Amino acid sequence: MERKQLLYGLLLALGLFFTASYSIDNRGFHSGIYGIIGCLLMVAAYCGFNWDKLKVHDHHARVILGWLVGITTFIIILDIAEAILA
């Protein structure tokens, strides 16, 4: 196994661990800074694992990356809105 694969695997594992900080309670869905960091780490791990495909502009990899970035951006916007309205 290459060092890069180990690094990206570690980023993915940390991202999943931080993303587990999301909670749902009677006030709704909220995450805090750890959830946002977890999402960003998972996007970075996806980019790292698929860097060769992204460099040659593989359509499938770019569509998935677009969805991941879009969902992460949506979560960040919701967290900012929650902080402002709280």
PDB file of N, CA and C in Angstrom:
ATOM      1  N   MET A   1       0.834  -1.178   0.000  1.00  0.00           N
ATOM      2  CA  MET A   1       0.000   0.000   0.000  1.00  0.00           C
ATOM      3  C   MET A   1       0.885   1.251   0.000  1.00  0.00           C
ATOM      4  N   GLU A   2       0.511   2.206  -0.780  1.00  0.00           N
ATOM      5  CA  GLU A   2       1.286   3.432  -0.856  1.00  0.00           C
ATOM      6  C   GLU A   2       0.962   4.348   0.315  1.00  0.00           C
ATOM      7  N   ARG A   3       1.862   5.260   0.566  1.00  0.00           N
ATOM      8  CA  ARG A   3       1.636   6.221   1.653  1.00  0.00           C
ATOM      9  C   ARG A   3       0.448   7.128   1.371  1.00  0.00           C
ATOM     10  N   LYS A   4       0.264   7.474   0.103  1.00  0.00           N
ATOM     11  CA  LYS A   4      -0.869   8.333  -0.245  1.00  0.00           C
ATOM     12  C   LYS A   4      -2.187   7.650   0.065  1.00  0.00           C
ATOM     13  N   GLN A   5      -2.292   6.367  -0.237  1.00  0.00           N
ATOM     14  CA  GLN A   5      -3.525   5.636   0.053  1.00  0.00           C
ATOM     15  C   GLN A   5      -3.779   5.575   1.548  1.00  0.00           C
ATOM     16  N   LEU A   6      -2.726   5.386   2.330  1.00  0.00           N
ATOM     17  CA  LEU A   6      -2.883   5.385   3.782  1.00  0.00           C
ATOM     18  C   LEU A   6      -3.327   6.754   4.285  1.00  0.00           C
ATOM     19  N   LEU A   7      -2.756   7.812   3.716  1.00  0.00           N
ATOM     20  CA  LEU A   7      -3.129   9.164   4.117  1.00  0.00           C
ATOM     21  C   LEU A   7      -4.590   9.447   3.781  1.00  0.00           C
ATOM     22  N   TYR A   8      -5.010   9.091   2.575  1.00  0.00           N
ATOM     23  CA  TYR A   8      -6.400   9.340   2.180  1.00  0.00           C
ATOM     24  C   TYR A   8      -7.367   8.468   2.975  1.00  0.00           C
ATOM     25  N   GLY A   9      -6.951   7.258   3.285  1.00  0.00           N
ATOM     26  CA  GLY A   9      -7.771   6.403   4.138  1.00  0.00           C
ATOM     27  C   GLY A   9      -7.920   6.988   5.538  1.00  0.00           C
ATOM     28  N   LEU A  10      -6.842   7.551   6.063  1.00  0.00           N
ATOM     29  CA  LEU A  10      -6.896   8.206   7.372  1.00  0.00           C
ATOM     30  C   LEU A  10      -7.793   9.435   7.323  1.00  0.00           C
ATOM     31  N   LEU A  11      -7.701  10.211   6.245  1.00  0.00           N
ATOM     32  CA  LEU A  11      -8.582  11.373   6.088  1.00  0.00           C
ATOM     33  C   LEU A  11     -10.044  10.949   6.049  1.00  0.00           C
ATOM     34  N   LEU A  12     -10.331   9.869   5.342  1.00  0.00           N
ATOM     35  CA  LEU A  12     -11.697   9.371   5.264  1.00  0.00           C
ATOM     36  C   LEU A  12     -12.183   8.900   6.635  1.00  0.00           C
ATOM     37  N   ALA A  13     -11.343   8.178   7.349  1.00  0.00           N
ATOM     38  CA  ALA A  13     -11.729   7.690   8.678  1.00  0.00           C
ATOM     39  C   ALA A  13     -11.964   8.851   9.644  1.00  0.00           C
ATOM     40  N   LEU A  14     -11.082   9.844   9.629  1.00  0.00           N
ATOM     41  CA  LEU A  14     -11.285  11.022  10.480  1.00  0.00           C
ATOM     42  C   LEU A  14     -12.537  11.786  10.078  1.00  0.00           C
ATOM     43  N   GLY A  15     -12.778  11.865   8.779  1.00  0.00           N
ATOM     44  CA  GLY A  15     -13.982  12.545   8.300  1.00  0.00           C
ATOM     45  C   GLY A  15     -15.242  11.849   8.781  1.00  0.00           C
ATOM     46  N   LEU A  16     -15.255  10.531   8.709  1.00  0.00           N
ATOM     47  CA  LEU A  16     -16.418   9.786   9.203  1.00  0.00           C
ATOM     48  C   LEU A  16     -16.584   9.953  10.710  1.00  0.00           C
ATOM     49  N   PHE A  17     -15.478   9.968  11.436  1.00  0.00           N
ATOM     50  CA  PHE A  17     -15.530  10.140  12.886  1.00  0.00           C
ATOM     51  C   PHE A  17     -16.095  11.519  13.247  1.00  0.00           C
ATOM     52  N   PHE A  18     -15.607  12.558  12.575  1.00  0.00           N
ATOM     53  CA  PHE A  18     -16.100  13.907  12.865  1.00  0.00           C
ATOM     54  C   PHE A  18     -17.539  14.098  12.401  1.00  0.00           C
ATOM     55  N   THR A  19     -17.901  13.475  11.289  1.00  0.00           N
ATOM     56  CA  THR A  19     -19.253  13.601  10.788  1.00  0.00           C
ATOM     57  C   THR A  19     -20.250  12.927  11.722  1.00  0.00           C
ATOM     58  N   ALA A  20     -19.801  11.985  12.502  1.00  0.00           N
ATOM     59  CA  ALA A  20     -20.681  11.324  13.468  1.00  0.00           C
ATOM     60  C   ALA A  20     -21.146  12.282  14.556  1.00  0.00           C
ATOM     61  N   SER A  21     -20.604  13.492  14.602  1.00  0.00           N
ATOM     62  CA  SER A  21     -21.024  14.463  15.609  1.00  0.00           C
ATOM     63  C   SER A  21     -22.363  15.114  15.268  1.00  0.00           C
ATOM     64  N   TYR A  22     -22.904  14.831  14.083  1.00  0.00           N
ATOM     65  CA  TYR A  22     -24.223  15.349  13.747  1.00  0.00           C
ATOM     66  C   TYR A  22     -25.247  14.790  14.715  1.00  0.00           C
ATOM     67  N   SER A  23     -26.216  15.581  15.053  1.00  0.00           N
ATOM     68  CA  SER A  23     -27.263  15.078  15.941  1.00  0.00           C
ATOM     69  C   SER A  23     -28.612  15.610  15.492  1.00  0.00           C
ATOM     70  N   ILE A  24     -29.620  14.845  15.810  1.00  0.00           N
ATOM     71  CA  ILE A  24     -30.994  15.238  15.518  1.00  0.00           C
ATOM     72  C   ILE A  24     -31.735  15.213  16.850  1.00  0.00           C
ATOM     73  N   ASP A  25     -32.328  16.327  17.209  1.00  0.00           N
ATOM     74  CA  ASP A  25     -33.114  16.370  18.430  1.00  0.00           C
ATOM     75  C   ASP A  25     -34.399  17.143  18.156  1.00  0.00           C
ATOM     76  N   ASN A  26     -35.091  17.552  19.190  1.00  0.00           N
ATOM     77  CA  ASN A  26     -36.372  18.222  18.985  1.00  0.00           C
ATOM     78  C   ASN A  26     -36.229  19.586  18.311  1.00  0.00           C
ATOM     79  N   ARG A  27     -35.032  20.172  18.329  1.00  0.00           N
ATOM     80  CA  ARG A  27     -34.813  21.454  17.652  1.00  0.00           C
ATOM     81  C   ARG A  27     -34.453  21.284  16.187  1.00  0.00           C
ATOM     82  N   GLY A  28     -34.103  20.087  15.778  1.00  0.00           N
ATOM     83  CA  GLY A  28     -33.761  19.864  14.380  1.00  0.00           C
ATOM     84  C   GLY A  28     -32.402  19.219  14.220  1.00  0.00           C
ATOM     85  N   PHE A  29     -31.824  19.403  13.069  1.00  0.00           N
ATOM     86  CA  PHE A  29     -30.568  18.787  12.665  1.00  0.00           C
ATOM     87  C   PHE A  29     -29.463  19.811  12.786  1.00  0.00           C
ATOM     88  N   HIS A  30     -28.420  19.519  13.551  1.00  0.00           N
ATOM     89  CA  HIS A  30     -27.294  20.437  13.654  1.00  0.00           C
ATOM     90  C   HIS A  30     -25.998  19.669  13.858  1.00  0.00           C
ATOM     91  N   SER A  31     -24.892  20.291  13.505  1.00  0.00           N
ATOM     92  CA  SER A  31     -23.627  19.570  13.544  1.00  0.00           C
ATOM     93  C   SER A  31     -22.551  20.302  14.320  1.00  0.00           C
ATOM     94  N   GLY A  32     -22.404  21.564  14.111  1.00  0.00           N
ATOM     95  CA  GLY A  32     -21.289  22.270  14.711  1.00  0.00           C
ATOM     96  C   GLY A  32     -20.062  22.188  13.821  1.00  0.00           C
ATOM     97  N   ILE A  33     -18.943  22.645  14.355  1.00  0.00           N
ATOM     98  CA  ILE A  33     -17.724  22.742  13.566  1.00  0.00           C
ATOM     99  C   ILE A  33     -17.144  21.360  13.234  1.00  0.00           C
ATOM    100  N   TYR A  34     -17.321  20.377  14.121  1.00  0.00           N
ATOM    101  CA  TYR A  34     -16.763  19.055  13.848  1.00  0.00           C
ATOM    102  C   TYR A  34     -17.444  18.386  12.662  1.00  0.00           C
ATOM    103  N   GLY A  35     -18.727  18.570  12.507  1.00  0.00           N
ATOM    104  CA  GLY A  35     -19.422  18.006  11.360  1.00  0.00           C
ATOM    105  C   GLY A  35     -18.958  18.608  10.051  1.00  0.00           C
ATOM    106  N   ILE A  36     -18.722  19.915  10.071  1.00  0.00           N
ATOM    107  CA  ILE A  36     -18.237  20.596   8.864  1.00  0.00           C
ATOM    108  C   ILE A  36     -16.829  20.116   8.522  1.00  0.00           C
ATOM    109  N   ILE A  37     -15.970  20.015   9.530  1.00  0.00           N
ATOM    110  CA  ILE A  37     -14.612  19.521   9.293  1.00  0.00           C
ATOM    111  C   ILE A  37     -14.655  18.096   8.749  1.00  0.00           C
ATOM    112  N   GLY A  38     -15.544  17.267   9.292  1.00  0.00           N
ATOM    113  CA  GLY A  38     -15.676  15.900   8.812  1.00  0.00           C
ATOM    114  C   GLY A  38     -16.081  15.836   7.349  1.00  0.00           C
ATOM    115  N   CYS A  39     -17.038  16.665   6.955  1.00  0.00           N
ATOM    116  CA  CYS A  39     -17.465  16.695   5.551  1.00  0.00           C
ATOM    117  C   CYS A  39     -16.324  17.131   4.644  1.00  0.00           C
ATOM    118  N   LEU A  40     -15.584  18.143   5.063  1.00  0.00           N
ATOM    119  CA  LEU A  40     -14.468  18.620   4.246  1.00  0.00           C
ATOM    120  C   LEU A  40     -13.365  17.566   4.146  1.00  0.00           C
ATOM    121  N   LEU A  41     -13.113  16.837   5.220  1.00  0.00           N
ATOM    122  CA  LEU A  41     -12.111  15.765   5.172  1.00  0.00           C
ATOM    123  C   LEU A  41     -12.541  14.652   4.229  1.00  0.00           C
ATOM    124  N   MET A  42     -13.829  14.321   4.225  1.00  0.00           N
ATOM    125  CA  MET A  42     -14.300  13.272   3.309  1.00  0.00           C
ATOM    126  C   MET A  42     -14.215  13.721   1.855  1.00  0.00           C
ATOM    127  N   VAL A  43     -14.489  14.988   1.578  1.00  0.00           N
ATOM    128  CA  VAL A  43     -14.350  15.502   0.210  1.00  0.00           C
ATOM    129  C   VAL A  43     -12.876  15.468  -0.201  1.00  0.00           C
ATOM    130  N   ALA A  44     -11.985  15.843   0.724  1.00  0.00           N
ATOM    131  CA  ALA A  44     -10.552  15.804   0.423  1.00  0.00           C
ATOM    132  C   ALA A  44     -10.095  14.367   0.166  1.00  0.00           C
ATOM    133  N   ALA A  45     -10.599  13.413   0.938  1.00  0.00           N
ATOM    134  CA  ALA A  45     -10.236  12.012   0.727  1.00  0.00           C
ATOM    135  C   ALA A  45     -10.741  11.527  -0.625  1.00  0.00           C
ATOM    136  N   TYR A  46     -11.957  11.909  -1.006  1.00  0.00           N
ATOM    137  CA  TYR A  46     -12.481  11.509  -2.318  1.00  0.00           C
ATOM    138  C   TYR A  46     -11.605  12.078  -3.435  1.00  0.00           C
ATOM    139  N   CYS A  47     -11.234  13.346  -3.296  1.00  0.00           N
ATOM    140  CA  CYS A  47     -10.360  13.953  -4.313  1.00  0.00           C
ATOM    141  C   CYS A  47      -9.023  13.228  -4.392  1.00  0.00           C
ATOM    142  N   GLY A  48      -8.481  12.866  -3.245  1.00  0.00           N
ATOM    143  CA  GLY A  48      -7.197  12.175  -3.227  1.00  0.00           C
ATOM    144  C   GLY A  48      -7.272  10.796  -3.860  1.00  0.00           C
ATOM    145  N   PHE A  49      -8.299  10.038  -3.515  1.00  0.00           N
ATOM    146  CA  PHE A  49      -8.442   8.696  -4.071  1.00  0.00           C
ATOM    147  C   PHE A  49      -8.682   8.730  -5.577  1.00  0.00           C
ATOM    148  N   ASN A  50      -9.341   9.751  -6.072  1.00  0.00           N
ATOM    149  CA  ASN A  50      -9.712   9.821  -7.492  1.00  0.00           C
ATOM    150  C   ASN A  50      -8.975  10.920  -8.247  1.00  0.00           C
ATOM    151  N   TRP A  51      -7.803  11.304  -7.776  1.00  0.00           N
ATOM    152  CA  TRP A  51      -7.079  12.420  -8.384  1.00  0.00           C
ATOM    153  C   TRP A  51      -6.740  12.147  -9.850  1.00  0.00           C
ATOM    154  N   ASP A  52      -6.324  10.928 -10.165  1.00  0.00           N
ATOM    155  CA  ASP A  52      -5.986  10.613 -11.560  1.00  0.00           C
ATOM    156  C   ASP A  52      -7.195  10.754 -12.470  1.00  0.00           C
ATOM    157  N   LYS A  53      -8.353  10.314 -12.010  1.00  0.00           N
ATOM    158  CA  LYS A  53      -9.574  10.448 -12.799  1.00  0.00           C
ATOM    159  C   LYS A  53      -9.972  11.914 -12.937  1.00  0.00           C
ATOM    160  N   LEU A  54      -9.799  12.680 -11.877  1.00  0.00           N
ATOM    161  CA  LEU A  54     -10.170  14.092 -11.937  1.00  0.00           C
ATOM    162  C   LEU A  54      -9.240  14.871 -12.858  1.00  0.00           C
ATOM    163  N   LYS A  55      -7.965  14.475 -12.919  1.00  0.00           N
ATOM    164  CA  LYS A  55      -7.020  15.162 -13.797  1.00  0.00           C
ATOM    165  C   LYS A  55      -7.353  14.970 -15.268  1.00  0.00           C
ATOM    166  N   VAL A  56      -7.891  13.799 -15.624  1.00  0.00           N
ATOM    167  CA  VAL A  56      -8.234  13.550 -17.029  1.00  0.00           C
ATOM    168  C   VAL A  56      -9.693  13.896 -17.314  1.00  0.00           C
ATOM    169  N   HIS A  57     -10.340  14.589 -16.381  1.00  0.00           N
ATOM    170  CA  HIS A  57     -11.710  15.087 -16.532  1.00  0.00           C
ATOM    171  C   HIS A  57     -12.725  13.968 -16.753  1.00  0.00           C
ATOM    172  N   ASP A  58     -12.613  12.900 -15.950  1.00  0.00           N
ATOM    173  CA  ASP A  58     -13.590  11.823 -15.998  1.00  0.00           C
ATOM    174  C   ASP A  58     -14.945  12.362 -15.552  1.00  0.00           C
ATOM    175  N   HIS A  59     -15.944  12.182 -16.391  1.00  0.00           N
ATOM    176  CA  HIS A  59     -17.265  12.769 -16.138  1.00  0.00           C
ATOM    177  C   HIS A  59     -17.895  12.219 -14.855  1.00  0.00           C
ATOM    178  N   HIS A  60     -17.829  10.923 -14.669  1.00  0.00           N
ATOM    179  CA  HIS A  60     -18.451  10.293 -13.497  1.00  0.00           C
ATOM    180  C   HIS A  60     -17.827  10.799 -12.194  1.00  0.00           C
ATOM    181  N   ALA A  61     -16.509  10.867 -12.132  1.00  0.00           N
ATOM    182  CA  ALA A  61     -15.822  11.344 -10.926  1.00  0.00           C
ATOM    183  C   ALA A  61     -16.136  12.810 -10.662  1.00  0.00           C
ATOM    184  N   ARG A  62     -16.226  13.603 -11.724  1.00  0.00           N
ATOM    185  CA  ARG A  62     -16.526  15.029 -11.540  1.00  0.00           C
ATOM    186  C   ARG A  62     -17.960  15.256 -11.079  1.00  0.00           C
ATOM    187  N   VAL A  63     -18.893  14.447 -11.557  1.00  0.00           N
ATOM    188  CA  VAL A  63     -20.284  14.577 -11.125  1.00  0.00           C
ATOM    189  C   VAL A  63     -20.408  14.231  -9.642  1.00  0.00           C
ATOM    190  N   ILE A  64     -19.762  13.151  -9.235  1.00  0.00           N
ATOM    191  CA  ILE A  64     -19.812  12.768  -7.813  1.00  0.00           C
ATOM    192  C   ILE A  64     -19.158  13.839  -6.952  1.00  0.00           C
ATOM    193  N   LEU A  65     -18.025  14.377  -7.385  1.00  0.00           N
ATOM    194  CA  LEU A  65     -17.374  15.442  -6.639  1.00  0.00           C
ATOM    195  C   LEU A  65     -18.267  16.672  -6.554  1.00  0.00           C
ATOM    196  N   GLY A  66     -18.960  16.995  -7.625  1.00  0.00           N
ATOM    197  CA  GLY A  66     -19.893  18.119  -7.610  1.00  0.00           C
ATOM    198  C   GLY A  66     -21.008  17.927  -6.596  1.00  0.00           C
ATOM    199  N   TRP A  67     -21.556  16.704  -6.549  1.00  0.00           N
ATOM    200  CA  TRP A  67     -22.598  16.408  -5.560  1.00  0.00           C
ATOM    201  C   TRP A  67     -22.061  16.509  -4.144  1.00  0.00           C
ATOM    202  N   LEU A  68     -20.874  15.975  -3.900  1.00  0.00           N
ATOM    203  CA  LEU A  68     -20.290  16.038  -2.564  1.00  0.00           C
ATOM    204  C   LEU A  68     -20.039  17.474  -2.125  1.00  0.00           C
ATOM    205  N   VAL A  69     -19.495  18.273  -3.011  1.00  0.00           N
ATOM    206  CA  VAL A  69     -19.239  19.678  -2.691  1.00  0.00           C
ATOM    207  C   VAL A  69     -20.553  20.422  -2.492  1.00  0.00           C
ATOM    208  N   GLY A  70     -21.548  20.124  -3.304  1.00  0.00           N
ATOM    209  CA  GLY A  70     -22.854  20.771  -3.156  1.00  0.00           C
ATOM    210  C   GLY A  70     -23.528  20.444  -1.833  1.00  0.00           C
ATOM    211  N   ILE A  71     -23.491  19.174  -1.455  1.00  0.00           N
ATOM    212  CA  ILE A  71     -24.095  18.771  -0.182  1.00  0.00           C
ATOM    213  C   ILE A  71     -23.338  19.384   0.983  1.00  0.00           C
ATOM    214  N   THR A  72     -22.006  19.398   0.909  1.00  0.00           N
ATOM    215  CA  THR A  72     -21.207  20.010   1.971  1.00  0.00           C
ATOM    216  C   THR A  72     -21.496  21.502   2.074  1.00  0.00           C
ATOM    217  N   THR A  73     -21.614  22.186   0.961  1.00  0.00           N
ATOM    218  CA  THR A  73     -21.942  23.614   0.969  1.00  0.00           C
ATOM    219  C   THR A  73     -23.316  23.850   1.563  1.00  0.00           C
ATOM    220  N   PHE A  74     -24.267  23.004   1.221  1.00  0.00           N
ATOM    221  CA  PHE A  74     -25.623  23.119   1.768  1.00  0.00           C
ATOM    222  C   PHE A  74     -25.611  22.940   3.287  1.00  0.00           C
ATOM    223  N   ILE A  75     -24.839  21.968   3.783  1.00  0.00           N
ATOM    224  CA  ILE A  75     -24.743  21.740   5.221  1.00  0.00           C
ATOM    225  C   ILE A  75     -24.115  22.942   5.918  1.00  0.00           C
ATOM    226  N   ILE A  76     -23.086  23.521   5.320  1.00  0.00           N
ATOM    227  CA  ILE A  76     -22.448  24.701   5.914  1.00  0.00           C
ATOM    228  C   ILE A  76     -23.421  25.870   5.955  1.00  0.00           C
ATOM    229  N   ILE A  77     -24.189  26.069   4.901  1.00  0.00           N
ATOM    230  CA  ILE A  77     -25.180  27.150   4.874  1.00  0.00           C
ATOM    231  C   ILE A  77     -26.237  26.928   5.953  1.00  0.00           C
ATOM    232  N   LEU A  78     -26.700  25.684   6.110  1.00  0.00           N
ATOM    233  CA  LEU A  78     -27.676  25.393   7.159  1.00  0.00           C
ATOM    234  C   LEU A  78     -27.112  25.639   8.553  1.00  0.00           C
ATOM    235  N   ASP A  79     -25.834  25.299   8.773  1.00  0.00           N
ATOM    236  CA  ASP A  79     -25.223  25.534  10.071  1.00  0.00           C
ATOM    237  C   ASP A  79     -25.079  27.028  10.359  1.00  0.00           C
ATOM    238  N   ILE A  80     -24.744  27.804   9.351  1.00  0.00           N
ATOM    239  CA  ILE A  80     -24.645  29.255   9.529  1.00  0.00           C
ATOM    240  C   ILE A  80     -26.019  29.844   9.810  1.00  0.00           C
ATOM    241  N   ALA A  81     -27.027  29.388   9.092  1.00  0.00           N
ATOM    242  CA  ALA A  81     -28.389  29.877   9.326  1.00  0.00           C
ATOM    243  C   ALA A  81     -28.862  29.517  10.726  1.00  0.00           C
ATOM    244  N   GLU A  82     -28.533  28.319  11.190  1.00  0.00           N
ATOM    245  CA  GLU A  82     -28.918  27.926  12.541  1.00  0.00           C
ATOM    246  C   GLU A  82     -28.249  28.793  13.588  1.00  0.00           C
ATOM    247  N   ALA A  83     -26.949  29.118  13.371  1.00  0.00           N
ATOM    248  CA  ALA A  83     -26.236  29.964  14.318  1.00  0.00           C
ATOM    249  C   ALA A  83     -26.800  31.381  14.348  1.00  0.00           C
ATOM    250  N   ILE A  84     -27.210  31.880  13.210  1.00  0.00           N
ATOM    251  CA  ILE A  84     -27.748  33.237  13.144  1.00  0.00           C
ATOM    252  C   ILE A  84     -29.126  33.278  13.784  1.00  0.00           C
ATOM    253  N   LEU A  85     -29.945  32.285  13.527  1.00  0.00           N
ATOM    254  CA  LEU A  85     -31.322  32.291  14.040  1.00  0.00           C
ATOM    255  C   LEU A  85     -31.441  31.832  15.486  1.00  0.00           C
ATOM    256  N   ALA A  86     -30.385  31.243  16.035  1.00  0.00           N
ATOM    257  CA  ALA A  86     -30.485  30.738  17.421  1.00  0.00           C
ATOM    258  C   ALA A  86     -30.365  31.825  18.456  1.00  0.00           C
TER     259      ALA A  86
END
